[in-house]
Structure formats: structure tokens, C-alpha cells
């Protein structure tokens, strides 16, 4: 059901960069990796990719989970689904460009899937952000937490949320009252990421294409265009 954008010769290095298993790249290496991410689309053999992982998620589960926060054009013809971690430096770097792509296109629905895989503070950040949706302020929480370059701590999370106009004490109460539902969202997001074969953040679904890593603005535009072509050809 899902297809994937491959990194070709750069794929192995990019996966190491994203999941933290490789050595820190130089600036030149980083620019080279970003610049050579291939935008060619090819089929994926689900059984081969998902071997040893959970079941591949359905289209409805990935694209239309009613508990997942969305931005952009909520009635858009193409969805971008992002799995991210607030402490992921590549997620932080990519965020302004991704939002610009969504804004410029005007017909893209952006769904945010918190996937806190970088430790307990990442989990705390995602839980608090999701609690803010009960104040209708998830987007403000997301922007505050993803928009910093410094390391997060729980006091820093609270400080950033307060600075974004969020009632932090209410968010804590909402987290306590809705802890089961919030934990279930994070569990679903994790199960879907594993079922799709993602190895780190950021990872994306664009239409029905898997994008396991960083793309430039131009490459996002190319994948969006191909997603529309694939949808029209159905």
C-alpha cells in the first residue's frame, strides 16, 4: 500500500545520521547528505521492509487518527504526516522549511505525530504538548518546543510553554486527567513508525509515499507533486 522515497547511495549514511548511530558529520558532509537526498519514487516490498517489526498500519490509521493534531489546510487533498522528536536537531532544522512548503502549497494537510525516542525528556515534552490540545493550544506548544536550539529539561519545557501563552498548570492537570489517552496516542505513533520501517526522526508519509529522513523544500514539493499524480491515477 505504501511506497517509499529511497536515498540511493546516500541512504545508509543518512539513516545513521538520523538515528544517531553514525559519527557526527562535518558541515560539508551534512550539506552533501541534504543536497543528494533522492526524490525518485519506487515501490516497497512491505514484507521485506517490515520483517521483525509490527504490522504495517492502515491508511486510515496513519492519515485520519482523530486524536492527532493537524495544521495547514485541514481539508487539503494531500496529507504530510510527520513523526518527530522535540530534541531531534534535524526536526528542529527542518521545521521552518516544512511549514513554508505547506503554506506555499495551500492544499496540504500536515499531521504531527509525536514520536519521543530520544529519552525521558522527549517523552515529557510530547506529553505536555499533547496535554495543551485540551486548551486548543497544541500548535503553540509545538512551535515553542521545536523552535529552540538548546537542550530541553522539564523546567525549560514549562518555561517555553508559559512563554507561548499556555496555562502550564492547566496543562499539567489536563495531562493527569487524560494520561491514558495521551499515552495511547504515543503508543499508536510508535507502533505505526515501527510498522512503516522508520528508524529515526524525522520521518514522513507524503500522500502514500514513505520519506524516512530529511528532504529539502524543493524535494518536498517534488514528492507532493508525485503524490498528487499517484492519487489522480487511481
Protein backbone atom coordinates (compact mmCIF):
# COMPACT_ATOMS: atom_id res chain seq x y z
CA UNK A 1 0.00 0.00 0.00
CA UNK A 2 2.78 2.43 0.93
CA UNK A 3 5.63 3.44 -1.38
CA UNK A 4 8.96 4.92 -0.41
CA UNK A 5 11.47 7.55 -1.48
CA UNK A 6 14.92 5.95 -1.35
CA UNK A 7 18.18 7.68 -0.56
CA UNK A 8 20.09 5.57 -3.13
CA UNK A 9 23.81 5.73 -2.40
CA UNK A 10 23.33 8.20 0.46
CA UNK A 11 20.63 6.21 2.25
CA UNK A 12 22.85 4.26 4.61
CA UNK A 13 24.74 7.35 5.75
CA UNK A 14 21.54 9.37 6.18
CA UNK A 15 19.93 6.67 8.32
CA UNK A 16 22.99 6.60 10.57
CA UNK A 17 22.90 10.38 10.82
CA UNK A 18 19.23 10.40 11.76
CA UNK A 19 19.22 7.57 14.29
CA UNK A 20 22.45 8.64 15.94
CA UNK A 21 24.46 5.50 15.18
CA UNK A 22 26.98 7.26 12.96
CA UNK A 23 29.71 9.72 13.83
CA UNK A 24 28.86 13.40 13.77
CA UNK A 25 29.09 14.67 10.18
CA UNK A 26 31.10 17.68 9.15
CA UNK A 27 29.25 20.69 7.79
CA UNK A 28 30.30 19.72 4.27
CA UNK A 29 29.12 16.13 4.77
CA UNK A 30 25.81 17.33 6.20
CA UNK A 31 25.20 19.64 3.26
CA UNK A 32 26.13 16.86 0.89
CA UNK A 33 23.69 14.47 2.51
CA UNK A 34 20.88 17.00 2.44
CA UNK A 35 21.63 18.00 -1.12
CA UNK A 36 21.74 14.48 -2.55
CA UNK A 37 18.61 13.03 -0.93
CA UNK A 38 16.98 11.43 -3.97
CA UNK A 39 13.39 12.31 -4.86
CA UNK A 40 12.88 9.29 -7.11
CA UNK A 41 9.93 7.17 -6.04
CA UNK A 42 10.00 3.39 -6.07
CA UNK A 43 7.90 0.54 -4.78
CA UNK A 44 8.49 -1.02 -1.41
CA UNK A 45 8.10 -4.69 -0.54
CA UNK A 46 6.30 -4.45 2.80
CA UNK A 47 7.20 -7.93 3.99
CA UNK A 48 10.88 -7.34 3.37
CA UNK A 49 10.95 -3.87 4.92
CA UNK A 50 8.78 -4.71 7.91
CA UNK A 51 10.41 -8.01 8.79
CA UNK A 52 10.81 -8.22 12.52
CA UNK A 53 8.59 -5.19 13.07
CA UNK A 54 4.94 -4.66 13.90
CA UNK A 55 2.14 -4.83 11.38
CA UNK A 56 2.09 -2.21 8.67
CA UNK A 57 -0.53 0.41 9.64
CA UNK A 58 -3.59 1.10 7.54
CA UNK A 59 -4.10 4.30 5.57
CA UNK A 60 -6.92 5.37 7.88
CA UNK A 61 -4.79 4.85 11.00
CA UNK A 62 -1.92 6.88 9.61
CA UNK A 63 -3.79 9.69 7.89
CA UNK A 64 -7.03 10.06 9.84
CA UNK A 65 -6.41 9.43 13.53
CA UNK A 66 -8.85 11.94 15.07
CA UNK A 67 -6.61 12.44 18.11
CA UNK A 68 -3.63 13.67 16.09
CA UNK A 69 -3.09 17.43 15.85
CA UNK A 70 -3.17 18.89 12.33
CA UNK A 71 -2.10 22.13 10.67
CA UNK A 72 -2.08 23.61 7.20
CA UNK A 73 -5.22 23.06 5.15
CA UNK A 74 -7.23 20.59 7.23
CA UNK A 75 -9.28 19.77 4.12
CA UNK A 76 -6.25 19.50 1.88
CA UNK A 77 -6.03 17.00 -0.95
CA UNK A 78 -2.65 15.62 0.21
CA UNK A 79 -1.51 14.84 3.74
CA UNK A 80 2.01 15.07 5.10
CA UNK A 81 2.38 13.09 8.31
CA UNK A 82 5.50 13.84 10.35
CA UNK A 83 6.99 11.64 13.07
CA UNK A 84 9.29 13.86 15.13
CA UNK A 85 11.07 14.29 18.44
CA UNK A 86 11.35 17.72 20.06
CA UNK A 87 15.03 17.08 20.83
CA UNK A 88 15.90 15.94 17.31
CA UNK A 89 18.20 18.59 15.77
CA UNK A 90 17.13 17.64 12.24
CA UNK A 91 13.45 18.01 13.14
CA UNK A 92 14.23 21.47 14.51
CA UNK A 93 16.21 22.47 11.43
CA UNK A 94 13.57 21.18 9.03
CA UNK A 95 10.51 22.66 10.75
CA UNK A 96 10.53 26.19 9.26
CA UNK A 97 11.08 24.84 5.74
CA UNK A 98 8.35 22.21 6.09
CA UNK A 99 5.88 24.81 7.34
CA UNK A 100 6.83 27.09 4.45
CA UNK A 101 6.20 24.29 1.94
CA UNK A 102 2.78 23.63 3.49
CA UNK A 103 1.94 27.33 3.47
CA UNK A 104 3.11 27.95 -0.09
CA UNK A 105 1.24 24.95 -1.48
CA UNK A 106 -2.02 25.83 0.25
CA UNK A 107 -3.60 22.42 -0.28
CA UNK A 108 -1.54 20.28 2.11
CA UNK A 109 -2.78 18.93 5.41
CA UNK A 110 0.05 18.49 7.96
CA UNK A 111 -0.41 15.92 10.74
CA UNK A 112 2.01 15.89 13.68
CA UNK A 113 2.87 12.51 15.22
CA UNK A 114 4.88 12.92 18.40
CA UNK A 115 7.49 10.15 18.46
CA UNK A 116 9.68 10.79 21.53
CA UNK A 117 12.55 8.35 21.01
CA UNK A 118 15.44 10.38 22.41
CA UNK A 119 14.89 9.83 26.11
CA UNK A 120 12.65 10.68 29.06
CA UNK A 121 12.74 14.44 28.48
CA UNK A 122 11.48 13.89 24.94
CA UNK A 123 8.59 11.89 26.37
CA UNK A 124 7.85 14.65 28.88
CA UNK A 125 7.85 17.26 26.11
CA UNK A 126 5.47 15.28 23.92
CA UNK A 127 3.13 14.52 26.80
CA UNK A 128 2.93 18.18 27.79
CA UNK A 129 2.44 19.30 24.19
CA UNK A 130 -0.40 16.83 23.71
CA UNK A 131 -1.94 17.98 27.00
CA UNK A 132 -2.02 21.51 25.59
CA UNK A 133 -4.52 20.44 22.94
CA UNK A 134 -7.17 20.44 25.66
CA UNK A 135 -6.62 24.23 25.74
CA UNK A 136 -6.68 24.28 21.91
CA UNK A 137 -3.02 25.30 22.05
CA UNK A 138 -1.14 22.30 20.70
CA UNK A 139 0.21 24.34 17.76
CA UNK A 140 1.58 26.99 20.11
CA UNK A 141 3.20 24.31 22.27
CA UNK A 142 4.66 22.59 19.23
CA UNK A 143 6.16 25.80 17.88
CA UNK A 144 7.62 26.72 21.26
CA UNK A 145 9.27 23.34 21.82
CA UNK A 146 10.51 22.66 18.29
CA UNK A 147 11.80 26.20 17.82
CA UNK A 148 14.67 26.11 20.32
CA UNK A 149 18.26 25.07 19.76
CA UNK A 150 19.13 24.32 23.36
CA UNK A 151 18.74 21.08 25.27
CA UNK A 152 15.34 20.58 26.86
CA UNK A 153 14.74 19.94 30.54
CA UNK A 154 11.40 19.72 32.30
CA UNK A 155 11.76 23.22 33.82
CA UNK A 156 12.74 24.55 30.39
CA UNK A 157 9.69 22.88 28.82
CA UNK A 158 7.43 24.64 31.33
CA UNK A 159 9.21 27.94 30.71
CA UNK A 160 8.82 27.67 26.95
CA UNK A 161 5.14 26.75 27.18
CA UNK A 162 4.42 29.63 29.54
CA UNK A 163 6.21 31.98 27.16
CA UNK A 164 3.90 30.79 24.38
CA UNK A 165 0.84 31.89 26.35
CA UNK A 166 -0.09 28.44 27.64
CA UNK A 167 -1.52 27.85 31.10
CA UNK A 168 1.13 25.40 32.28
CA UNK A 169 -0.68 24.44 35.48
CA UNK A 170 -3.81 23.63 33.50
CA UNK A 171 -1.72 21.60 31.06
CA UNK A 172 -0.38 19.58 33.97
CA UNK A 173 -3.91 18.97 35.24
CA UNK A 174 -5.07 18.01 31.75
CA UNK A 175 -2.11 15.65 31.42
CA UNK A 176 -3.05 13.96 34.68
CA UNK A 177 -6.73 13.73 33.74
CA UNK A 178 -6.06 12.46 30.21
CA UNK A 179 -2.87 10.49 30.79
CA UNK A 180 -4.28 7.24 29.44
CA UNK A 181 -5.44 8.83 26.18
CA UNK A 182 -2.15 10.70 25.70
CA UNK A 183 -0.08 7.60 26.35
CA UNK A 184 -2.26 5.71 23.86
CA UNK A 185 -1.53 8.34 21.18
CA UNK A 186 2.21 7.97 21.74
CA UNK A 187 1.92 4.18 21.64
CA UNK A 188 -0.01 4.32 18.35
CA UNK A 189 2.50 6.70 16.84
CA UNK A 190 5.36 4.42 17.84
CA UNK A 191 3.66 1.28 16.53
CA UNK A 192 2.94 2.97 13.20
CA UNK A 193 6.51 4.23 12.83
CA UNK A 194 7.87 0.77 13.52
CA UNK A 195 5.35 -0.84 11.18
CA UNK A 196 6.41 1.54 8.43
CA UNK A 197 10.07 0.66 8.97
CA UNK A 198 11.18 4.09 10.15
CA UNK A 199 14.50 4.13 12.01
CA UNK A 200 14.60 7.66 13.36
CA UNK A 201 13.31 11.20 13.24
CA UNK A 202 12.19 12.99 11.24
CA UNK A 203 10.20 10.55 9.13
CA UNK A 204 7.24 11.29 6.90
CA UNK A 205 4.33 9.98 4.92
CA UNK A 206 3.52 12.22 1.94
CA UNK A 207 0.32 11.02 0.32
CA UNK A 208 1.17 7.33 0.11
CA UNK A 209 4.94 7.74 -0.08
CA UNK A 210 7.32 6.99 2.78
CA UNK A 211 10.05 9.54 3.37
CA UNK A 212 12.38 8.22 6.10
CA UNK A 213 14.54 11.27 6.64
CA UNK A 214 15.34 14.85 5.71
CA UNK A 215 14.25 16.50 2.46
CA UNK A 216 14.83 19.98 1.12
CA UNK A 217 11.93 22.30 0.28
CA UNK A 218 12.30 21.51 -3.42
CA UNK A 219 12.31 17.78 -2.74
CA UNK A 220 9.17 18.06 -0.60
CA UNK A 221 7.49 19.90 -3.46
CA UNK A 222 8.50 17.12 -5.84
CA UNK A 223 7.14 14.38 -3.60
CA UNK A 224 3.89 16.32 -3.07
CA UNK A 225 3.52 16.66 -6.84
CA UNK A 226 4.14 12.94 -7.32
CA UNK A 227 1.66 12.13 -4.56
CA UNK A 228 -0.98 14.13 -6.43
CA UNK A 229 -0.17 12.35 -9.68
CA UNK A 230 -0.47 8.98 -7.96
CA UNK A 231 -3.80 9.98 -6.43
CA UNK A 232 -5.15 11.21 -9.77
CA UNK A 233 -4.08 7.97 -11.49
CA UNK A 234 -6.14 5.78 -9.16
